[in-house]
Amino acid sequence: MSGHSKWSTIKHKKSAADAKRGKIFTKLIKEITVSARIGGGDAEANPRLRAAILTAKAENMPKDNIERAIKKGTGELEGTNYEETNYEGYGPGGVAILVDILTDNRNRAASEVRYAFSKNGGSLGAAGCVAWMFSSRGTIVFNKAGFSEDELMEVALEAGAEDVRDEGDQFEVITSPADFEAVKTAFEQRQMEFELAELSKVPQNTVKVEDEKQAQQLLKLMDSLEDCDDVQNVYANFDIPDEILNAIA
């Protein structure tokens, strides 16, 4: 599989200094609640819930918040009934964008997402127009300063990873969803500290955005979508060269 989106890396770097911690927690609580509702409250038997809890812990969410969200999902506590859906569209430069939604009001979600696209040079597309371009994968991100590619490759491939990629100042270990936990555990057991570990959707190919104005507009669109309360995740298949990113930073 080829292709990479810079968005997950950019988002991770921004989140280190993100003042919107409350918004991040809200999205994570929704995901934990829905995961528990669909697959039950036992994280060991529910991979989606287990992944959501791992992400919440990585964001330093208090244990009580996690437990309350699980109980809301299983019905032990009263909670909101969220509905899952997604929207697909295109950004500046023809970039494919896939938006995951968890909402208690589908009309509100559709309106907010449509506005974010239209305001920032994008357009909503029909269902299925870009989803086929993305595959579910696990991604584990390491800072290059801490490890060599050979070190990571040895552990990753032995544990069942698909690939190790050089992404500028980081290495990304790519796994299938089924092997994500095993690969992540292999690194943890060797005390090889990573910056990010998540299940996400990875593009099969990328669109290189080299026009500075388009790149700036695209990042504004991604930020606007992320800011929507009902949006859980945004995936895109763009690759902005580092020199362009540095110019618009």
C-alpha atoms as a PDB file:
ATOM      1  CA  MET A   1       0.000   0.000   0.000  1.00  0.00           C
ATOM      2  CA  SER A   2       1.312   3.445  -0.885  1.00  0.00           C
ATOM      3  CA  GLY A   3       0.354   6.944   0.061  1.00  0.00           C
ATOM      4  CA  HIS A   4       0.420   9.076   3.154  1.00  0.00           C
ATOM      5  CA  SER A   5      -1.543  12.008   4.529  1.00  0.00           C
ATOM      6  CA  LYS A   6       0.307  14.734   6.373  1.00  0.00           C
ATOM      7  CA  TRP A   7      -2.833  15.691   8.293  1.00  0.00           C
ATOM      8  CA  SER A   8      -2.472  13.160  11.128  1.00  0.00           C
ATOM      9  CA  THR A   9       1.108  14.299  11.708  1.00  0.00           C
ATOM     10  CA  ILE A  10       0.220  17.995  11.541  1.00  0.00           C
ATOM     11  CA  LYS A  11      -2.756  17.473  13.859  1.00  0.00           C
ATOM     12  CA  HIS A  12      -0.624  15.596  16.376  1.00  0.00           C
ATOM     13  CA  LYS A  13       2.000  18.344  16.476  1.00  0.00           C
ATOM     14  CA  LYS A  14      -0.693  20.985  16.959  1.00  0.00           C
ATOM     15  CA  SER A  15      -2.463  19.022  19.678  1.00  0.00           C
ATOM     16  CA  ALA A  16       0.615  19.189  21.923  1.00  0.00           C
ATOM     17  CA  ALA A  17      -0.150  22.874  22.447  1.00  0.00           C
ATOM     18  CA  ASP A  18      -3.906  22.708  21.802  1.00  0.00           C
ATOM     19  CA  ALA A  19      -6.017  24.771  24.166  1.00  0.00           C
ATOM     20  CA  LYS A  20      -9.155  22.908  23.071  1.00  0.00           C
ATOM     21  CA  ARG A  21      -8.613  20.051  25.525  1.00  0.00           C
ATOM     22  CA  GLY A  22     -12.293  20.080  26.483  1.00  0.00           C
ATOM     23  CA  LYS A  23     -13.314  19.572  22.841  1.00  0.00           C
ATOM     24  CA  ILE A  24     -10.864  16.668  22.508  1.00  0.00           C
ATOM     25  CA  PHE A  25     -12.310  15.038  25.629  1.00  0.00           C
ATOM     26  CA  THR A  26     -15.860  15.479  24.311  1.00  0.00           C
ATOM     27  CA  LYS A  27     -15.007  13.647  21.082  1.00  0.00           C
ATOM     28  CA  LEU A  28     -13.274  10.848  22.999  1.00  0.00           C
ATOM     29  CA  ILE A  29     -16.195  10.437  25.414  1.00  0.00           C
ATOM     30  CA  LYS A  30     -18.567  10.089  22.444  1.00  0.00           C
ATOM     31  CA  GLU A  31     -16.369   7.405  20.885  1.00  0.00           C
ATOM     32  CA  ILE A  32     -16.052   5.461  24.155  1.00  0.00           C
ATOM     33  CA  THR A  33     -19.806   5.663  24.745  1.00  0.00           C
ATOM     34  CA  VAL A  34     -20.727   4.443  21.259  1.00  0.00           C
ATOM     35  CA  SER A  35     -18.049   1.730  21.312  1.00  0.00           C
ATOM     36  CA  ALA A  36     -19.409   0.402  24.607  1.00  0.00           C
ATOM     37  CA  ARG A  37     -22.995   0.563  23.330  1.00  0.00           C
ATOM     38  CA  ILE A  38     -22.174  -1.412  20.183  1.00  0.00           C
ATOM     39  CA  GLY A  39     -19.683  -3.960  21.512  1.00  0.00           C
ATOM     40  CA  GLY A  40     -20.170  -4.020  25.287  1.00  0.00           C
ATOM     41  CA  GLY A  41     -18.230  -2.526  28.181  1.00  0.00           C
ATOM     42  CA  ASP A  42     -15.465  -5.145  28.392  1.00  0.00           C
ATOM     43  CA  ALA A  43     -12.431  -3.594  26.701  1.00  0.00           C
ATOM     44  CA  GLU A  44     -10.694  -6.964  26.403  1.00  0.00           C
ATOM     45  CA  ALA A  45     -13.549  -8.309  24.277  1.00  0.00           C
ATOM     46  CA  ASN A  46     -14.249  -5.057  22.413  1.00  0.00           C
ATOM     47  CA  PRO A  47     -11.327  -3.908  20.201  1.00  0.00           C
ATOM     48  CA  ARG A  48     -12.959  -0.619  19.279  1.00  0.00           C
ATOM     49  CA  LEU A  49     -13.538   0.266  22.922  1.00  0.00           C
ATOM     50  CA  ARG A  50      -9.997  -0.791  23.792  1.00  0.00           C
ATOM     51  CA  ALA A  51      -8.583   1.497  21.099  1.00  0.00           C
ATOM     52  CA  ALA A  52     -10.771   4.394  22.283  1.00  0.00           C
ATOM     53  CA  ILE A  53      -9.596   3.961  25.876  1.00  0.00           C
ATOM     54  CA  LEU A  54      -5.952   3.873  24.770  1.00  0.00           C
ATOM     55  CA  THR A  55      -6.444   7.125  22.864  1.00  0.00           C
ATOM     56  CA  ALA A  56      -8.177   8.717  25.858  1.00  0.00           C
ATOM     57  CA  LYS A  57      -5.336   7.709  28.160  1.00  0.00           C
ATOM     58  CA  ALA A  58      -2.806   9.127  25.691  1.00  0.00           C
ATOM     59  CA  GLU A  59      -4.673  12.448  25.990  1.00  0.00           C
ATOM     60  CA  ASN A  60      -4.526  12.193  29.810  1.00  0.00           C
ATOM     61  CA  MET A  61      -8.254  11.827  30.246  1.00  0.00           C
ATOM     62  CA  PRO A  62      -9.095  11.048  33.892  1.00  0.00           C
ATOM     63  CA  LYS A  63     -10.041   7.445  34.636  1.00  0.00           C
ATOM     64  CA  ASP A  64     -13.421   8.519  36.103  1.00  0.00           C
ATOM     65  CA  ASN A  65     -14.379  10.191  32.800  1.00  0.00           C
ATOM     66  CA  ILE A  66     -13.563   7.011  30.895  1.00  0.00           C
ATOM     67  CA  GLU A  67     -15.553   4.807  33.281  1.00  0.00           C
ATOM     68  CA  ARG A  68     -18.593   7.121  33.163  1.00  0.00           C
ATOM     69  CA  ALA A  69     -18.529   7.103  29.360  1.00  0.00           C
ATOM     70  CA  ILE A  70     -18.454   3.287  29.325  1.00  0.00           C
ATOM     71  CA  LYS A  71     -21.389   3.110  31.747  1.00  0.00           C
ATOM     72  CA  LYS A  72     -23.378   5.525  29.581  1.00  0.00           C
ATOM     73  CA  GLY A  73     -22.740   3.267  26.623  1.00  0.00           C
ATOM     74  CA  THR A  74     -23.813   0.104  28.429  1.00  0.00           C
ATOM     75  CA  GLY A  75     -26.898   1.779  29.897  1.00  0.00           C
ATOM     76  CA  GLU A  76     -25.741   1.746  33.532  1.00  0.00           C
ATOM     77  CA  LEU A  77     -25.926   5.549  33.444  1.00  0.00           C
ATOM     78  CA  GLU A  78     -28.260   7.726  31.416  1.00  0.00           C
ATOM     79  CA  GLY A  79     -26.609   9.144  28.312  1.00  0.00           C
ATOM     80  CA  THR A  80     -27.155  10.652  24.873  1.00  0.00           C
ATOM     81  CA  ASN A  81     -27.948   8.348  21.964  1.00  0.00           C
ATOM     82  CA  TYR A  82     -25.360   9.127  19.267  1.00  0.00           C
ATOM     83  CA  GLU A  83     -25.702   8.152  15.622  1.00  0.00           C
ATOM     84  CA  GLU A  84     -22.748   7.306  13.370  1.00  0.00           C
ATOM     85  CA  THR A  85     -22.431   8.535   9.801  1.00  0.00           C
ATOM     86  CA  ASN A  86     -19.836  10.058   7.509  1.00  0.00           C
ATOM     87  CA  TYR A  87     -19.516  12.694   4.810  1.00  0.00           C
ATOM     88  CA  GLU A  88     -17.236  12.745   1.812  1.00  0.00           C
ATOM     89  CA  GLY A  89     -15.962  15.573  -0.317  1.00  0.00           C
ATOM     90  CA  TYR A  90     -13.115  17.406  -1.947  1.00  0.00           C
ATOM     91  CA  GLY A  91     -10.822  20.163  -0.789  1.00  0.00           C
ATOM     92  CA  PRO A  92      -8.668  22.670  -2.700  1.00  0.00           C
ATOM     93  CA  GLY A  93      -6.457  20.973  -5.275  1.00  0.00           C
ATOM     94  CA  GLY A  94      -8.834  18.014  -5.613  1.00  0.00           C
ATOM     95  CA  VAL A  95      -7.838  16.525  -2.252  1.00  0.00           C
ATOM     96  CA  ALA A  96     -10.154  13.720  -1.079  1.00  0.00           C
ATOM     97  CA  ILE A  97     -11.622  14.248   2.408  1.00  0.00           C
ATOM     98  CA  LEU A  98     -13.517  11.737   4.548  1.00  0.00           C
ATOM     99  CA  VAL A  99     -15.319  12.968   7.681  1.00  0.00           C
ATOM    100  CA  ASP A 100     -16.484  10.628  10.478  1.00  0.00           C
ATOM    101  CA  ILE A 101     -19.501  11.851  12.450  1.00  0.00           C
ATOM    102  CA  LEU A 102     -21.008  10.974  15.839  1.00  0.00           C
ATOM    103  CA  THR A 103     -24.091  13.084  16.454  1.00  0.00           C
ATOM    104  CA  ASP A 104     -27.419  13.312  18.229  1.00  0.00           C
ATOM    105  CA  ASN A 105     -28.686  15.649  15.490  1.00  0.00           C
ATOM    106  CA  ARG A 106     -27.937  14.595  11.896  1.00  0.00           C
ATOM    107  CA  ASN A 107     -29.359  17.806  10.396  1.00  0.00           C
ATOM    108  CA  ARG A 108     -27.077  19.975  12.530  1.00  0.00           C
ATOM    109  CA  ALA A 109     -24.053  17.864  11.638  1.00  0.00           C
ATOM    110  CA  ALA A 110     -24.798  18.028   7.906  1.00  0.00           C
ATOM    111  CA  SER A 111     -25.262  21.786   8.042  1.00  0.00           C
ATOM    112  CA  GLU A 112     -21.987  22.396   9.913  1.00  0.00           C
ATOM    113  CA  VAL A 113     -19.955  20.131   7.652  1.00  0.00           C
ATOM    114  CA  ARG A 114     -21.445  21.621   4.477  1.00  0.00           C
ATOM    115  CA  TYR A 115     -20.670  25.136   5.727  1.00  0.00           C
ATOM    116  CA  ALA A 116     -17.058  24.217   6.567  1.00  0.00           C
ATOM    117  CA  PHE A 117     -16.506  22.827   3.053  1.00  0.00           C
ATOM    118  CA  SER A 118     -18.140  25.752   1.217  1.00  0.00           C
ATOM    119  CA  LYS A 119     -16.428  28.427   3.325  1.00  0.00           C
ATOM    120  CA  ASN A 120     -12.959  27.012   2.670  1.00  0.00           C
ATOM    121  CA  GLY A 121     -12.897  26.198  -1.029  1.00  0.00           C
ATOM    122  CA  GLY A 122     -14.162  22.628  -0.771  1.00  0.00           C
ATOM    123  CA  SER A 123     -17.303  20.797  -1.823  1.00  0.00           C
ATOM    124  CA  LEU A 124     -19.361  17.943  -0.417  1.00  0.00           C
ATOM    125  CA  GLY A 125     -19.620  14.889  -2.665  1.00  0.00           C
ATOM    126  CA  ALA A 126     -21.982  11.965  -3.004  1.00  0.00           C
ATOM    127  CA  ALA A 127     -21.745   8.969  -0.680  1.00  0.00           C
ATOM    128  CA  GLY A 128     -18.943   6.685  -1.809  1.00  0.00           C
ATOM    129  CA  CYS A 129     -17.089   9.275  -3.886  1.00  0.00           C
ATOM    130  CA  VAL A 130     -13.851   9.125  -1.854  1.00  0.00           C
ATOM    131  CA  ALA A 131     -14.285   6.457   0.857  1.00  0.00           C
ATOM    132  CA  TRP A 132     -12.829   3.812  -1.462  1.00  0.00           C
ATOM    133  CA  MET A 133      -9.514   5.717  -1.440  1.00  0.00           C
ATOM    134  CA  PHE A 134      -8.945   5.009   2.273  1.00  0.00           C
ATOM    135  CA  SER A 135      -8.107   1.801   4.150  1.00  0.00           C
ATOM    136  CA  SER A 136      -8.388   1.190   7.897  1.00  0.00           C
ATOM    137  CA  ARG A 137      -4.926   0.887   9.419  1.00  0.00           C
ATOM    138  CA  GLY A 138      -3.084   1.248  12.707  1.00  0.00           C
ATOM    139  CA  THR A 139      -0.445   3.974  12.870  1.00  0.00           C
ATOM    140  CA  ILE A 140       2.313   4.260  15.493  1.00  0.00           C
ATOM    141  CA  VAL A 141       4.478   7.373  15.273  1.00  0.00           C
ATOM    142  CA  PHE A 142       8.047   7.676  16.576  1.00  0.00           C
ATOM    143  CA  ASN A 143      10.328  10.696  16.766  1.00  0.00           C
ATOM    144  CA  LYS A 144      13.386  10.144  14.576  1.00  0.00           C
ATOM    145  CA  ALA A 145      15.664  11.508  17.270  1.00  0.00           C
ATOM    146  CA  GLY A 146      15.000   8.475  19.459  1.00  0.00           C
ATOM    147  CA  PHE A 147      15.297   5.523  17.093  1.00  0.00           C
ATOM    148  CA  SER A 148      16.877   4.346  13.871  1.00  0.00           C
ATOM    149  CA  GLU A 149      14.753   2.917  11.088  1.00  0.00           C
ATOM    150  CA  ASP A 150      16.503  -0.450  11.467  1.00  0.00           C
ATOM    151  CA  GLU A 151      15.642  -0.614  15.199  1.00  0.00           C
ATOM    152  CA  LEU A 152      11.973   0.043  14.522  1.00  0.00           C
ATOM    153  CA  MET A 153      11.852  -2.236  11.504  1.00  0.00           C
ATOM    154  CA  GLU A 154      13.201  -5.195  13.465  1.00  0.00           C
ATOM    155  CA  VAL A 155      10.567  -4.974  16.195  1.00  0.00           C
ATOM    156  CA  ALA A 156       7.734  -3.917  13.898  1.00  0.00           C
ATOM    157  CA  LEU A 157       8.049  -6.689  11.346  1.00  0.00           C
ATOM    158  CA  GLU A 158       8.610  -9.351  13.996  1.00  0.00           C
ATOM    159  CA  ALA A 159       5.368  -8.258  15.690  1.00  0.00           C
ATOM    160  CA  GLY A 160       3.379  -8.298  12.439  1.00  0.00           C
ATOM    161  CA  ALA A 161       3.510  -4.708  11.143  1.00  0.00           C
ATOM    162  CA  GLU A 162       3.085  -4.028   7.430  1.00  0.00           C
ATOM    163  CA  ASP A 163       5.562  -1.208   6.913  1.00  0.00           C
ATOM    164  CA  VAL A 164       7.837   1.420   8.491  1.00  0.00           C
ATOM    165  CA  ARG A 165       7.836   4.776   6.705  1.00  0.00           C
ATOM    166  CA  ASP A 166      10.201   7.729   6.810  1.00  0.00           C
ATOM    167  CA  GLU A 167       8.072  10.864   7.205  1.00  0.00           C
ATOM    168  CA  GLY A 168      10.525  13.712   7.648  1.00  0.00           C
ATOM    169  CA  ASP A 169      11.318  14.064  11.349  1.00  0.00           C
ATOM    170  CA  GLN A 170       9.230  11.003  12.227  1.00  0.00           C
ATOM    171  CA  PHE A 171       8.898   7.298  11.463  1.00  0.00           C
ATOM    172  CA  GLU A 172       5.448   5.774  11.055  1.00  0.00           C
ATOM    173  CA  VAL A 173       4.800   2.103  11.701  1.00  0.00           C
ATOM    174  CA  ILE A 174       1.754   0.890   9.743  1.00  0.00           C
ATOM    175  CA  THR A 175      -0.272  -2.162  10.813  1.00  0.00           C
ATOM    176  CA  SER A 176      -3.527  -3.877   9.943  1.00  0.00           C
ATOM    177  CA  PRO A 177      -6.309  -3.167  12.479  1.00  0.00           C
ATOM    178  CA  ALA A 178      -6.069  -6.779  13.679  1.00  0.00           C
ATOM    179  CA  ASP A 179      -2.321  -6.534  14.395  1.00  0.00           C
ATOM    180  CA  PHE A 180      -2.332  -3.023  15.879  1.00  0.00           C
ATOM    181  CA  GLU A 181      -2.522  -4.105  19.539  1.00  0.00           C
ATOM    182  CA  ALA A 182       0.213  -6.740  19.157  1.00  0.00           C
ATOM    183  CA  VAL A 183       2.631  -4.335  17.452  1.00  0.00           C
ATOM    184  CA  LYS A 184       1.930  -1.561  19.948  1.00  0.00           C
ATOM    185  CA  THR A 185       2.463  -3.985  22.853  1.00  0.00           C
ATOM    186  CA  ALA A 186       5.762  -5.167  21.339  1.00  0.00           C
ATOM    187  CA  PHE A 187       7.106  -1.606  21.420  1.00  0.00           C
ATOM    188  CA  GLU A 188       5.800  -1.020  24.951  1.00  0.00           C
ATOM    189  CA  GLN A 189       7.449  -4.193  26.238  1.00  0.00           C
ATOM    190  CA  ARG A 190      10.778  -2.958  24.889  1.00  0.00           C
ATOM    191  CA  GLN A 191      10.140   0.494  26.417  1.00  0.00           C
ATOM    192  CA  MET A 192      10.334   2.095  22.975  1.00  0.00           C
ATOM    193  CA  GLU A 193       8.289   5.240  23.564  1.00  0.00           C
ATOM    194  CA  PHE A 194       6.092   6.462  20.699  1.00  0.00           C
ATOM    195  CA  GLU A 195       4.442   9.835  20.170  1.00  0.00           C
ATOM    196  CA  LEU A 196       1.115   8.601  18.824  1.00  0.00           C
ATOM    197  CA  ALA A 197      -0.688   5.290  18.372  1.00  0.00           C
ATOM    198  CA  GLU A 198      -4.107   5.232  16.737  1.00  0.00           C
ATOM    199  CA  LEU A 199      -6.442   3.321  14.485  1.00  0.00           C
ATOM    200  CA  SER A 200      -7.251   5.508  11.516  1.00  0.00           C
ATOM    201  CA  LYS A 201      -7.929   5.542   7.794  1.00  0.00           C
ATOM    202  CA  VAL A 202      -4.874   5.763   5.554  1.00  0.00           C
ATOM    203  CA  PRO A 203      -5.079   6.963   1.922  1.00  0.00           C
ATOM    204  CA  GLN A 204      -4.013   4.566  -0.823  1.00  0.00           C
ATOM    205  CA  ASN A 205      -2.413   7.453  -2.724  1.00  0.00           C
ATOM    206  CA  THR A 206      -1.816  11.158  -2.201  1.00  0.00           C
ATOM    207  CA  VAL A 207      -2.265  14.493  -3.935  1.00  0.00           C
ATOM    208  CA  LYS A 208       0.771  16.757  -3.648  1.00  0.00           C
ATOM    209  CA  VAL A 209      -0.319  20.322  -2.889  1.00  0.00           C
ATOM    210  CA  GLU A 210       2.502  22.676  -3.888  1.00  0.00           C
ATOM    211  CA  ASP A 211       0.522  25.881  -4.310  1.00  0.00           C
ATOM    212  CA  GLU A 212       0.938  27.933  -1.129  1.00  0.00           C
ATOM    213  CA  LYS A 213      -2.528  29.513  -1.286  1.00  0.00           C
ATOM    214  CA  GLN A 214      -4.220  26.152  -1.860  1.00  0.00           C
ATOM    215  CA  ALA A 215      -2.237  24.580   0.985  1.00  0.00           C
ATOM    216  CA  GLN A 216      -3.255  27.341   3.379  1.00  0.00           C
ATOM    217  CA  GLN A 217      -6.908  27.067   2.383  1.00  0.00           C
ATOM    218  CA  LEU A 218      -6.789  23.287   2.721  1.00  0.00           C
ATOM    219  CA  LEU A 219      -5.417  23.441   6.267  1.00  0.00           C
ATOM    220  CA  LYS A 220      -8.123  25.985   7.182  1.00  0.00           C
ATOM    221  CA  LEU A 221     -10.740  23.582   5.838  1.00  0.00           C
ATOM    222  CA  MET A 222      -9.309  20.708   7.891  1.00  0.00           C
ATOM    223  CA  ASP A 223      -9.265  22.883  11.030  1.00  0.00           C
ATOM    224  CA  SER A 224     -12.844  24.033  10.414  1.00  0.00           C
ATOM    225  CA  LEU A 225     -14.050  20.458  10.077  1.00  0.00           C
ATOM    226  CA  GLU A 226     -12.170  19.378  13.213  1.00  0.00           C
ATOM    227  CA  ASP A 227     -13.817  22.241  15.114  1.00  0.00           C
ATOM    228  CA  CYS A 228     -17.336  20.951  14.371  1.00  0.00           C
ATOM    229  CA  ASP A 229     -18.739  19.395  17.547  1.00  0.00           C
ATOM    230  CA  ASP A 230     -20.163  16.373  15.727  1.00  0.00           C
ATOM    231  CA  VAL A 231     -16.979  15.570  13.800  1.00  0.00           C
ATOM    232  CA  GLN A 232     -14.914  12.738  15.294  1.00  0.00           C
ATOM    233  CA  ASN A 233     -12.192  12.354  12.675  1.00  0.00           C
ATOM    234  CA  VAL A 234     -11.126  13.927   9.411  1.00  0.00           C
ATOM    235  CA  TYR A 235      -8.991  12.043   6.880  1.00  0.00           C
ATOM    236  CA  ALA A 236      -7.435  13.444   3.712  1.00  0.00           C
ATOM    237  CA  ASN A 237      -5.030  12.293   1.032  1.00  0.00           C
ATOM    238  CA  PHE A 238      -2.839  15.383   0.702  1.00  0.00           C
ATOM    239  CA  ASP A 239       0.905  15.771   0.940  1.00  0.00           C
ATOM    240  CA  ILE A 240       2.159  19.321   1.462  1.00  0.00           C
ATOM    241  CA  PRO A 241       5.943  19.679   1.033  1.00  0.00           C
ATOM    242  CA  ASP A 242       7.716  20.809   4.198  1.00  0.00           C
ATOM    243  CA  GLU A 243       8.945  24.019   2.572  1.00  0.00           C
ATOM    244  CA  ILE A 244       5.335  25.021   1.867  1.00  0.00           C
ATOM    245  CA  LEU A 245       4.251  24.109   5.398  1.00  0.00           C
ATOM    246  CA  ASN A 246       7.089  26.188   6.852  1.00  0.00           C
ATOM    247  CA  ALA A 247       6.160  29.138   4.639  1.00  0.00           C
ATOM    248  CA  ILE A 248       2.534  29.217   5.823  1.00  0.00           C
ATOM    249  CA  ALA A 249       3.185  28.274   9.471  1.00  0.00           C
END
